[in-house]
Amino acid sequence: MAELTVSFPGSLKSALDAEVKRAGGTAASVVTKALAQYLGLSVHTLFQVSTSGALVAGVYDREVDVRSILDHGDFGVGTFSNLDGEMVVLDGKVYQVQGTGRVSEAAPDAGAPFAVVTRFAPDVDVRTPALAGFEALQQECDRYRKSGNIFYAVRLDGQFDRLRTRAVNPPDPGTRLVDATKAQTEFTFKDIAGTLVGLWSPGFSSAFSVPGYHFHFLSDDRQHGGHLLDVAAGPLRLRVEALTDFHLALPESEAFLKADLSKNTAQELAYAEAPH
């Protein structure tokens, strides 16, 4: 995080102290929020297009384009129209990892039915120990989550001993996600440098998001990637941001408006997220 030293009137300092006491936060959090509002910037905000339930129900037509996604964030995950691969949003660019294994930077007008992004501004920057599996990865990230009731953005960079990922392939229109992922392609990479782009969502978000950790991988050479299934790595650089502002943009397409999204899709979503 950047540091800034400024001088301002004592009356503002008194007002700032009062707001910190009222809100129970810190002077830095109050000043950051006020400055972001003045400059018209989103800070610690997670922006999501559509819902996980819509994907489960087979609603994955074009709802938004890549250009619009980048208007709301520079870091995140998602998928592309007709489930044509995994989306990795990293350092202000959007990458498409297709079931063929091909990785490319997505065009600004490329369509997406679902995406979750933020402007990554971590407040934690540490070095992890060696990680022996996906469970160890989660446990290490858990150390830097102070609450189970807000969202988190998580980034890990470094050398990976082994990675297992997947990418979905375009199914027939209307195919439910649980069936579409049965034909996913899985990849195994060894001794590869890259980045894990991750989000953690609280349990109460299961009605509209993917609860728990959701990681996508992109190699440093931008040639390999996918949705993370398993991992083993030496020490990694771990950065974490707490996200306390959530924005959900619901599609206006006919497919979304007429879909039956009243069912509990947690079990189907859990199957779709898991290795097969």
C-alpha atoms as a PDB file:
ATOM      1  CA  MET A   1       0.000   0.000   0.000  1.00  0.00           C
ATOM      2  CA  ALA A   2       1.202   3.541  -0.766  1.00  0.00           C
ATOM      3  CA  GLU A   3       1.788   6.039   2.040  1.00  0.00           C
ATOM      4  CA  LEU A   4       0.951   9.755   1.923  1.00  0.00           C
ATOM      5  CA  THR A   5       1.861  12.472   4.430  1.00  0.00           C
ATOM      6  CA  VAL A   6      -0.289  15.609   4.319  1.00  0.00           C
ATOM      7  CA  SER A   7      -1.203  18.595   6.495  1.00  0.00           C
ATOM      8  CA  PHE A   8      -4.840  19.620   7.019  1.00  0.00           C
ATOM      9  CA  PRO A   9      -6.907  21.737   9.443  1.00  0.00           C
ATOM     10  CA  GLY A  10      -7.425  20.611  13.022  1.00  0.00           C
ATOM     11  CA  SER A  11     -11.186  20.727  12.531  1.00  0.00           C
ATOM     12  CA  LEU A  12     -10.909  17.995   9.879  1.00  0.00           C
ATOM     13  CA  LYS A  13      -8.722  15.941  12.193  1.00  0.00           C
ATOM     14  CA  SER A  14     -11.376  16.154  14.917  1.00  0.00           C
ATOM     15  CA  ALA A  15     -14.064  15.117  12.436  1.00  0.00           C
ATOM     16  CA  LEU A  16     -11.871  12.251  11.228  1.00  0.00           C
ATOM     17  CA  ASP A  17     -11.300  10.993  14.779  1.00  0.00           C
ATOM     18  CA  ALA A  18     -15.036  11.125  15.439  1.00  0.00           C
ATOM     19  CA  GLU A  19     -15.803   9.125  12.293  1.00  0.00           C
ATOM     20  CA  VAL A  20     -13.172   6.506  13.139  1.00  0.00           C
ATOM     21  CA  LYS A  21     -14.748   6.089  16.571  1.00  0.00           C
ATOM     22  CA  ARG A  22     -18.262   5.896  15.147  1.00  0.00           C
ATOM     23  CA  ALA A  23     -17.446   3.468  12.323  1.00  0.00           C
ATOM     24  CA  GLY A  24     -14.985   1.360  14.311  1.00  0.00           C
ATOM     25  CA  GLY A  25     -12.435   1.444  11.499  1.00  0.00           C
ATOM     26  CA  THR A  26      -9.112   3.189  11.074  1.00  0.00           C
ATOM     27  CA  ALA A  27      -8.079   6.643   9.934  1.00  0.00           C
ATOM     28  CA  ALA A  28      -6.589   5.074   6.797  1.00  0.00           C
ATOM     29  CA  SER A  29      -9.861   3.315   5.885  1.00  0.00           C
ATOM     30  CA  VAL A  30     -11.932   6.487   6.347  1.00  0.00           C
ATOM     31  CA  VAL A  31      -9.523   8.653   4.340  1.00  0.00           C
ATOM     32  CA  THR A  32      -9.259   6.016   1.594  1.00  0.00           C
ATOM     33  CA  LYS A  33     -13.033   5.800   1.250  1.00  0.00           C
ATOM     34  CA  ALA A  34     -13.459   9.582   1.206  1.00  0.00           C
ATOM     35  CA  LEU A  35     -10.677  10.090  -1.332  1.00  0.00           C
ATOM     36  CA  ALA A  36     -12.032   7.326  -3.578  1.00  0.00           C
ATOM     37  CA  GLN A  37     -15.493   8.915  -3.550  1.00  0.00           C
ATOM     38  CA  TYR A  38     -14.038  12.335  -4.404  1.00  0.00           C
ATOM     39  CA  LEU A  39     -11.979  10.920  -7.296  1.00  0.00           C
ATOM     40  CA  GLY A  40     -14.773   8.652  -8.511  1.00  0.00           C
ATOM     41  CA  LEU A  41     -12.820   5.437  -7.981  1.00  0.00           C
ATOM     42  CA  SER A  42     -13.941   2.087  -6.580  1.00  0.00           C
ATOM     43  CA  VAL A  43     -11.855   0.796  -3.671  1.00  0.00           C
ATOM     44  CA  HIS A  44     -12.205  -2.640  -2.062  1.00  0.00           C
ATOM     45  CA  THR A  45     -15.157  -3.261  -4.375  1.00  0.00           C
ATOM     46  CA  LEU A  46     -16.065  -6.561  -5.999  1.00  0.00           C
ATOM     47  CA  PHE A  47     -18.080  -6.267  -9.213  1.00  0.00           C
ATOM     48  CA  GLN A  48     -19.960  -9.301 -10.523  1.00  0.00           C
ATOM     49  CA  VAL A  49     -21.856  -9.848 -13.766  1.00  0.00           C
ATOM     50  CA  SER A  50     -24.783 -12.318 -13.535  1.00  0.00           C
ATOM     51  CA  THR A  51     -24.999 -15.151 -10.988  1.00  0.00           C
ATOM     52  CA  SER A  52     -23.493 -18.583 -10.537  1.00  0.00           C
ATOM     53  CA  GLY A  53     -27.042 -19.963 -10.445  1.00  0.00           C
ATOM     54  CA  ALA A  54     -27.644 -18.675 -13.963  1.00  0.00           C
ATOM     55  CA  LEU A  55     -24.542 -20.494 -15.194  1.00  0.00           C
ATOM     56  CA  VAL A  56     -25.658 -23.696 -13.492  1.00  0.00           C
ATOM     57  CA  ALA A  57     -29.025 -23.366 -15.233  1.00  0.00           C
ATOM     58  CA  GLY A  58     -27.363 -23.105 -18.643  1.00  0.00           C
ATOM     59  CA  VAL A  59     -27.615 -19.337 -19.137  1.00  0.00           C
ATOM     60  CA  TYR A  60     -24.254 -18.513 -20.653  1.00  0.00           C
ATOM     61  CA  ASP A  61     -24.945 -16.341 -23.681  1.00  0.00           C
ATOM     62  CA  ARG A  62     -23.136 -13.035 -24.126  1.00  0.00           C
ATOM     63  CA  GLU A  63     -24.199 -10.622 -21.375  1.00  0.00           C
ATOM     64  CA  VAL A  64     -21.293  -8.153 -21.351  1.00  0.00           C
ATOM     65  CA  ASP A  65     -18.049  -7.559 -23.254  1.00  0.00           C
ATOM     66  CA  VAL A  66     -14.443  -7.559 -22.088  1.00  0.00           C
ATOM     67  CA  ARG A  67     -14.196  -3.781 -22.440  1.00  0.00           C
ATOM     68  CA  SER A  68     -17.019  -3.327 -19.914  1.00  0.00           C
ATOM     69  CA  ILE A  69     -15.474  -5.842 -17.522  1.00  0.00           C
ATOM     70  CA  LEU A  70     -12.212  -3.878 -17.470  1.00  0.00           C
ATOM     71  CA  ASP A  71     -14.169  -0.710 -16.689  1.00  0.00           C
ATOM     72  CA  HIS A  72     -14.858  -2.283 -13.278  1.00  0.00           C
ATOM     73  CA  GLY A  73     -11.644  -4.100 -12.410  1.00  0.00           C
ATOM     74  CA  ASP A  74      -8.191  -5.304 -13.377  1.00  0.00           C
ATOM     75  CA  PHE A  75      -8.132  -8.623 -11.485  1.00  0.00           C
ATOM     76  CA  GLY A  76     -10.588 -11.517 -11.388  1.00  0.00           C
ATOM     77  CA  VAL A  77     -12.134 -14.602 -12.957  1.00  0.00           C
ATOM     78  CA  GLY A  78     -15.019 -15.582 -15.197  1.00  0.00           C
ATOM     79  CA  THR A  79     -15.898 -17.420 -18.377  1.00  0.00           C
ATOM     80  CA  PHE A  80     -16.747 -16.614 -21.979  1.00  0.00           C
ATOM     81  CA  SER A  81     -19.891 -16.822 -24.099  1.00  0.00           C
ATOM     82  CA  ASN A  82     -21.087 -20.386 -24.615  1.00  0.00           C
ATOM     83  CA  LEU A  83     -18.655 -21.512 -21.883  1.00  0.00           C
ATOM     84  CA  ASP A  84     -15.764 -21.246 -24.314  1.00  0.00           C
ATOM     85  CA  GLY A  85     -12.987 -21.593 -21.754  1.00  0.00           C
ATOM     86  CA  GLU A  86     -11.845 -19.957 -18.515  1.00  0.00           C
ATOM     87  CA  MET A  87     -11.341 -16.206 -18.018  1.00  0.00           C
ATOM     88  CA  VAL A  88      -8.306 -14.850 -16.178  1.00  0.00           C
ATOM     89  CA  VAL A  89      -8.202 -11.101 -15.514  1.00  0.00           C
ATOM     90  CA  LEU A  90      -4.688 -10.102 -14.509  1.00  0.00           C
ATOM     91  CA  ASP A  91      -2.886  -6.742 -14.483  1.00  0.00           C
ATOM     92  CA  GLY A  92      -5.639  -5.081 -16.482  1.00  0.00           C
ATOM     93  CA  LYS A  93      -5.752  -7.663 -19.276  1.00  0.00           C
ATOM     94  CA  VAL A  94      -8.255 -10.443 -19.948  1.00  0.00           C
ATOM     95  CA  TYR A  95      -7.025 -13.873 -21.042  1.00  0.00           C
ATOM     96  CA  GLN A  96      -8.998 -16.807 -22.443  1.00  0.00           C
ATOM     97  CA  VAL A  97      -7.910 -20.376 -21.642  1.00  0.00           C
ATOM     98  CA  GLN A  98      -9.774 -22.710 -23.990  1.00  0.00           C
ATOM     99  CA  GLY A  99     -10.406 -26.421 -23.716  1.00  0.00           C
ATOM    100  CA  THR A 100      -7.875 -27.018 -26.480  1.00  0.00           C
ATOM    101  CA  GLY A 101      -5.193 -25.605 -24.168  1.00  0.00           C
ATOM    102  CA  ARG A 102      -4.827 -22.444 -26.251  1.00  0.00           C
ATOM    103  CA  VAL A 103      -4.332 -19.220 -24.278  1.00  0.00           C
ATOM    104  CA  SER A 104      -4.922 -15.817 -25.868  1.00  0.00           C
ATOM    105  CA  GLU A 105      -5.618 -12.251 -24.835  1.00  0.00           C
ATOM    106  CA  ALA A 106      -9.331 -11.633 -25.333  1.00  0.00           C
ATOM    107  CA  ALA A 107     -10.482  -8.927 -27.725  1.00  0.00           C
ATOM    108  CA  PRO A 108     -12.265  -5.909 -26.190  1.00  0.00           C
ATOM    109  CA  ASP A 109     -15.543  -6.951 -27.830  1.00  0.00           C
ATOM    110  CA  ALA A 110     -15.342 -10.606 -26.731  1.00  0.00           C
ATOM    111  CA  GLY A 111     -18.500 -11.624 -24.881  1.00  0.00           C
ATOM    112  CA  ALA A 112     -18.932 -13.071 -21.392  1.00  0.00           C
ATOM    113  CA  PRO A 113     -21.932 -14.415 -19.437  1.00  0.00           C
ATOM    114  CA  PHE A 114     -20.260 -14.234 -16.011  1.00  0.00           C
ATOM    115  CA  ALA A 115     -17.290 -12.413 -14.488  1.00  0.00           C
ATOM    116  CA  VAL A 116     -16.120 -11.237 -11.055  1.00  0.00           C
ATOM    117  CA  VAL A 117     -13.487  -8.487 -10.890  1.00  0.00           C
ATOM    118  CA  THR A 118     -11.933  -5.893  -8.603  1.00  0.00           C
ATOM    119  CA  ARG A 119      -9.250  -3.211  -8.759  1.00  0.00           C
ATOM    120  CA  PHE A 120      -6.622  -5.149  -6.865  1.00  0.00           C
ATOM    121  CA  ALA A 121      -5.150  -3.154  -3.963  1.00  0.00           C
ATOM    122  CA  PRO A 122      -3.782  -5.685  -1.437  1.00  0.00           C
ATOM    123  CA  ASP A 123      -3.333  -4.906   2.236  1.00  0.00           C
ATOM    124  CA  VAL A 124      -1.368  -8.123   2.898  1.00  0.00           C
ATOM    125  CA  ASP A 125       1.931  -8.990   1.184  1.00  0.00           C
ATOM    126  CA  VAL A 126       3.766 -12.027   2.599  1.00  0.00           C
ATOM    127  CA  ARG A 127       5.780 -15.099   1.675  1.00  0.00           C
ATOM    128  CA  THR A 128       4.171 -18.524   2.067  1.00  0.00           C
ATOM    129  CA  PRO A 129       5.847 -21.769   3.121  1.00  0.00           C
ATOM    130  CA  ALA A 130       5.902 -24.701   0.688  1.00  0.00           C
ATOM    131  CA  LEU A 131       2.384 -25.848  -0.195  1.00  0.00           C
ATOM    132  CA  ALA A 132       1.731 -29.570  -0.584  1.00  0.00           C
ATOM    133  CA  GLY A 133      -1.764 -29.421  -2.035  1.00  0.00           C
ATOM    134  CA  PHE A 134      -4.954 -27.452  -2.584  1.00  0.00           C
ATOM    135  CA  GLU A 135      -5.987 -27.862   1.042  1.00  0.00           C
ATOM    136  CA  ALA A 136      -2.642 -26.456   2.215  1.00  0.00           C
ATOM    137  CA  LEU A 137      -3.101 -23.520  -0.146  1.00  0.00           C
ATOM    138  CA  GLN A 138      -6.505 -22.760   1.340  1.00  0.00           C
ATOM    139  CA  GLN A 139      -5.243 -23.061   4.897  1.00  0.00           C
ATOM    140  CA  GLU A 140      -2.390 -20.643   4.228  1.00  0.00           C
ATOM    141  CA  CYS A 141      -4.757 -18.102   2.650  1.00  0.00           C
ATOM    142  CA  ASP A 142      -7.152 -18.526   5.587  1.00  0.00           C
ATOM    143  CA  ARG A 143      -4.499 -17.116   7.912  1.00  0.00           C
ATOM    144  CA  TYR A 144      -5.029 -13.690   6.364  1.00  0.00           C
ATOM    145  CA  ARG A 145      -8.832 -13.664   6.340  1.00  0.00           C
ATOM    146  CA  LYS A 146     -10.152 -11.807   9.364  1.00  0.00           C
ATOM    147  CA  SER A 147     -13.801 -12.554   8.694  1.00  0.00           C
ATOM    148  CA  GLY A 148     -16.020 -15.165   7.109  1.00  0.00           C
ATOM    149  CA  ASN A 149     -18.604 -12.558   6.167  1.00  0.00           C
ATOM    150  CA  ILE A 150     -16.818 -10.445   3.546  1.00  0.00           C
ATOM    151  CA  PHE A 151     -15.126 -11.165   0.218  1.00  0.00           C
ATOM    152  CA  TYR A 152     -11.381 -11.425  -0.465  1.00  0.00           C
ATOM    153  CA  ALA A 153      -9.151 -11.146  -3.530  1.00  0.00           C
ATOM    154  CA  VAL A 154      -6.074 -13.384  -3.404  1.00  0.00           C
ATOM    155  CA  ARG A 155      -3.008 -13.393  -5.644  1.00  0.00           C
ATOM    156  CA  LEU A 156      -0.106 -15.856  -5.500  1.00  0.00           C
ATOM    157  CA  ASP A 157       2.994 -15.536  -7.691  1.00  0.00           C
ATOM    158  CA  GLY A 158       6.017 -17.790  -8.052  1.00  0.00           C
ATOM    159  CA  GLN A 159       7.314 -21.162  -9.161  1.00  0.00           C
ATOM    160  CA  PHE A 160       4.901 -24.090  -9.039  1.00  0.00           C
ATOM    161  CA  ASP A 161       6.162 -27.656  -8.749  1.00  0.00           C
ATOM    162  CA  ARG A 162       2.916 -29.105 -10.033  1.00  0.00           C
ATOM    163  CA  LEU A 163      -0.429 -27.731 -11.136  1.00  0.00           C
ATOM    164  CA  ARG A 164      -3.636 -29.406 -12.236  1.00  0.00           C
ATOM    165  CA  THR A 165      -6.140 -27.208 -14.057  1.00  0.00           C
ATOM    166  CA  ARG A 166      -9.193 -27.543 -16.267  1.00  0.00           C
ATOM    167  CA  ALA A 167     -10.940 -25.601 -19.012  1.00  0.00           C
ATOM    168  CA  VAL A 168     -14.535 -26.079 -20.093  1.00  0.00           C
ATOM    169  CA  ASN A 169     -15.447 -26.774 -23.708  1.00  0.00           C
ATOM    170  CA  PRO A 170     -18.481 -25.198 -25.451  1.00  0.00           C
ATOM    171  CA  PRO A 171     -21.533 -27.443 -24.886  1.00  0.00           C
ATOM    172  CA  ASP A 172     -24.822 -27.535 -26.772  1.00  0.00           C
ATOM    173  CA  PRO A 173     -26.953 -24.443 -26.029  1.00  0.00           C
ATOM    174  CA  GLY A 174     -28.934 -24.718 -22.799  1.00  0.00           C
ATOM    175  CA  THR A 175     -26.859 -27.571 -21.343  1.00  0.00           C
ATOM    176  CA  ARG A 176     -26.759 -27.332 -17.564  1.00  0.00           C
ATOM    177  CA  LEU A 177     -23.324 -26.619 -16.131  1.00  0.00           C
ATOM    178  CA  VAL A 178     -23.160 -29.936 -14.300  1.00  0.00           C
ATOM    179  CA  ASP A 179     -23.395 -31.731 -17.662  1.00  0.00           C
ATOM    180  CA  ALA A 180     -21.171 -29.292 -19.554  1.00  0.00           C
ATOM    181  CA  THR A 181     -18.267 -29.844 -17.144  1.00  0.00           C
ATOM    182  CA  LYS A 182     -18.327 -33.598 -17.724  1.00  0.00           C
ATOM    183  CA  ALA A 183     -16.589 -32.848 -21.025  1.00  0.00           C
ATOM    184  CA  GLN A 184     -14.024 -30.443 -19.587  1.00  0.00           C
ATOM    185  CA  THR A 185     -10.346 -30.773 -20.492  1.00  0.00           C
ATOM    186  CA  GLU A 186      -7.826 -31.190 -17.665  1.00  0.00           C
ATOM    187  CA  PHE A 187      -4.153 -30.209 -17.798  1.00  0.00           C
ATOM    188  CA  THR A 188      -1.135 -31.032 -15.624  1.00  0.00           C
ATOM    189  CA  PHE A 189       1.861 -28.683 -15.548  1.00  0.00           C
ATOM    190  CA  LYS A 190       5.194 -29.236 -13.815  1.00  0.00           C
ATOM    191  CA  ASP A 191       7.902 -26.769 -12.805  1.00  0.00           C
ATOM    192  CA  ILE A 192       6.065 -23.744 -14.151  1.00  0.00           C
ATOM    193  CA  ALA A 193       6.157 -20.062 -13.166  1.00  0.00           C
ATOM    194  CA  GLY A 194       2.949 -18.113 -12.999  1.00  0.00           C
ATOM    195  CA  THR A 195       0.129 -16.521 -11.043  1.00  0.00           C
ATOM    196  CA  LEU A 196      -2.960 -17.748  -9.255  1.00  0.00           C
ATOM    197  CA  VAL A 197      -5.838 -15.260  -9.456  1.00  0.00           C
ATOM    198  CA  GLY A 198      -8.285 -16.044  -6.684  1.00  0.00           C
ATOM    199  CA  LEU A 199     -11.427 -14.907  -4.926  1.00  0.00           C
ATOM    200  CA  TRP A 200     -12.911 -16.075  -1.637  1.00  0.00           C
ATOM    201  CA  SER A 201     -16.657 -15.670  -1.128  1.00  0.00           C
ATOM    202  CA  PRO A 202     -18.631 -16.206   2.116  1.00  0.00           C
ATOM    203  CA  GLY A 203     -21.106 -19.030   2.527  1.00  0.00           C
ATOM    204  CA  PHE A 204     -24.138 -16.754   2.401  1.00  0.00           C
ATOM    205  CA  SER A 205     -23.219 -15.832  -1.196  1.00  0.00           C
ATOM    206  CA  SER A 206     -23.925 -19.357  -2.484  1.00  0.00           C
ATOM    207  CA  ALA A 207     -27.234 -18.152  -3.919  1.00  0.00           C
ATOM    208  CA  PHE A 208     -25.434 -15.939  -6.424  1.00  0.00           C
ATOM    209  CA  SER A 209     -21.688 -16.665  -6.286  1.00  0.00           C
ATOM    210  CA  VAL A 210     -19.128 -19.442  -5.789  1.00  0.00           C
ATOM    211  CA  PRO A 211     -18.606 -19.845  -2.029  1.00  0.00           C
ATOM    212  CA  GLY A 212     -15.105 -20.493  -0.743  1.00  0.00           C
ATOM    213  CA  TYR A 213     -11.977 -20.220  -2.865  1.00  0.00           C
ATOM    214  CA  HIS A 214     -12.077 -19.961  -6.659  1.00  0.00           C
ATOM    215  CA  PHE A 215      -8.668 -19.826  -8.392  1.00  0.00           C
ATOM    216  CA  HIS A 216      -7.628 -19.496 -12.024  1.00  0.00           C
ATOM    217  CA  PHE A 217      -4.008 -19.920 -13.139  1.00  0.00           C
ATOM    218  CA  LEU A 218      -1.981 -18.114 -15.812  1.00  0.00           C
ATOM    219  CA  SER A 219       1.660 -18.893 -16.590  1.00  0.00           C
ATOM    220  CA  ASP A 220       4.239 -16.125 -16.835  1.00  0.00           C
ATOM    221  CA  ASP A 221       4.697 -16.811 -20.555  1.00  0.00           C
ATOM    222  CA  ARG A 222       0.911 -16.559 -21.049  1.00  0.00           C
ATOM    223  CA  GLN A 223       0.870 -19.985 -22.733  1.00  0.00           C
ATOM    224  CA  HIS A 224      -0.851 -22.128 -20.072  1.00  0.00           C
ATOM    225  CA  GLY A 225      -3.654 -21.753 -17.566  1.00  0.00           C
ATOM    226  CA  GLY A 226      -7.093 -22.799 -16.407  1.00  0.00           C
ATOM    227  CA  HIS A 227      -9.324 -23.279 -13.387  1.00  0.00           C
ATOM    228  CA  LEU A 228      -7.228 -24.631 -10.495  1.00  0.00           C
ATOM    229  CA  LEU A 229      -7.932 -28.177  -9.318  1.00  0.00           C
ATOM    230  CA  ASP A 230      -4.760 -29.032  -7.396  1.00  0.00           C
ATOM    231  CA  VAL A 231      -1.363 -27.504  -6.651  1.00  0.00           C
ATOM    232  CA  ALA A 232       2.070 -28.109  -5.132  1.00  0.00           C
ATOM    233  CA  ALA A 233       4.548 -25.246  -4.879  1.00  0.00           C
ATOM    234  CA  GLY A 234       7.553 -23.900  -3.060  1.00  0.00           C
ATOM    235  CA  PRO A 235       7.347 -20.532  -1.284  1.00  0.00           C
ATOM    236  CA  LEU A 236       5.052 -18.117  -3.121  1.00  0.00           C
ATOM    237  CA  ARG A 237       4.378 -14.403  -2.830  1.00  0.00           C
ATOM    238  CA  LEU A 238       0.865 -14.053  -1.378  1.00  0.00           C
ATOM    239  CA  ARG A 239      -1.140 -10.837  -1.568  1.00  0.00           C
ATOM    240  CA  VAL A 240      -4.630 -10.450  -0.092  1.00  0.00           C
ATOM    241  CA  GLU A 241      -7.255  -7.710  -0.225  1.00  0.00           C
ATOM    242  CA  ALA A 242     -10.385  -7.548   1.931  1.00  0.00           C
ATOM    243  CA  LEU A 243     -13.415  -6.513  -0.146  1.00  0.00           C
ATOM    244  CA  THR A 244     -16.261  -4.882   1.737  1.00  0.00           C
ATOM    245  CA  ASP A 245     -18.309  -3.450  -1.139  1.00  0.00           C
ATOM    246  CA  PHE A 246     -20.160  -5.838  -3.498  1.00  0.00           C
ATOM    247  CA  HIS A 247     -21.920  -4.846  -6.721  1.00  0.00           C
ATOM    248  CA  LEU A 248     -24.046  -7.307  -8.704  1.00  0.00           C
ATOM    249  CA  ALA A 249     -25.111  -6.472 -12.276  1.00  0.00           C
ATOM    250  CA  LEU A 250     -28.006  -8.643 -13.428  1.00  0.00           C
ATOM    251  CA  PRO A 251     -28.403  -9.375 -17.156  1.00  0.00           C
ATOM    252  CA  GLU A 252     -31.401  -8.166 -19.132  1.00  0.00           C
ATOM    253  CA  SER A 253     -31.293 -10.910 -21.778  1.00  0.00           C
ATOM    254  CA  GLU A 254     -34.391 -12.970 -22.471  1.00  0.00           C
ATOM    255  CA  ALA A 255     -32.596 -16.170 -21.464  1.00  0.00           C
ATOM    256  CA  PHE A 256     -31.781 -14.763 -18.028  1.00  0.00           C
ATOM    257  CA  LEU A 257     -35.147 -13.124 -17.430  1.00  0.00           C
ATOM    258  CA  LYS A 258     -37.058 -16.334 -18.265  1.00  0.00           C
ATOM    259  CA  ALA A 259     -34.722 -18.817 -16.523  1.00  0.00           C
ATOM    260  CA  ASP A 260     -35.901 -20.606 -13.377  1.00  0.00           C
ATOM    261  CA  LEU A 261     -33.278 -19.554 -10.846  1.00  0.00           C
ATOM    262  CA  SER A 262     -35.310 -20.434  -7.750  1.00  0.00           C
ATOM    263  CA  LYS A 263     -33.666 -23.822  -7.176  1.00  0.00           C
ATOM    264  CA  ASN A 264     -30.790 -24.442  -4.787  1.00  0.00           C
ATOM    265  CA  THR A 265     -27.852 -25.072  -7.125  1.00  0.00           C
ATOM    266  CA  ALA A 266     -25.113 -25.468  -4.494  1.00  0.00           C
ATOM    267  CA  GLN A 267     -24.663 -29.211  -5.065  1.00  0.00           C
ATOM    268  CA  GLU A 268     -24.470 -28.879  -8.837  1.00  0.00           C
ATOM    269  CA  LEU A 269     -22.056 -25.963  -8.536  1.00  0.00           C
ATOM    270  CA  ALA A 270     -19.805 -27.914  -6.173  1.00  0.00           C
ATOM    271  CA  TYR A 271     -19.675 -30.778  -8.692  1.00  0.00           C
ATOM    272  CA  ALA A 272     -18.857 -28.388 -11.544  1.00  0.00           C
ATOM    273  CA  GLU A 273     -15.995 -26.825  -9.555  1.00  0.00           C
ATOM    274  CA  ALA A 274     -14.407 -30.171  -8.630  1.00  0.00           C
ATOM    275  CA  PRO A 275     -12.019 -32.397 -10.614  1.00  0.00           C
ATOM    276  CA  HIS A 276     -13.654 -35.231 -12.552  1.00  0.00           C
END
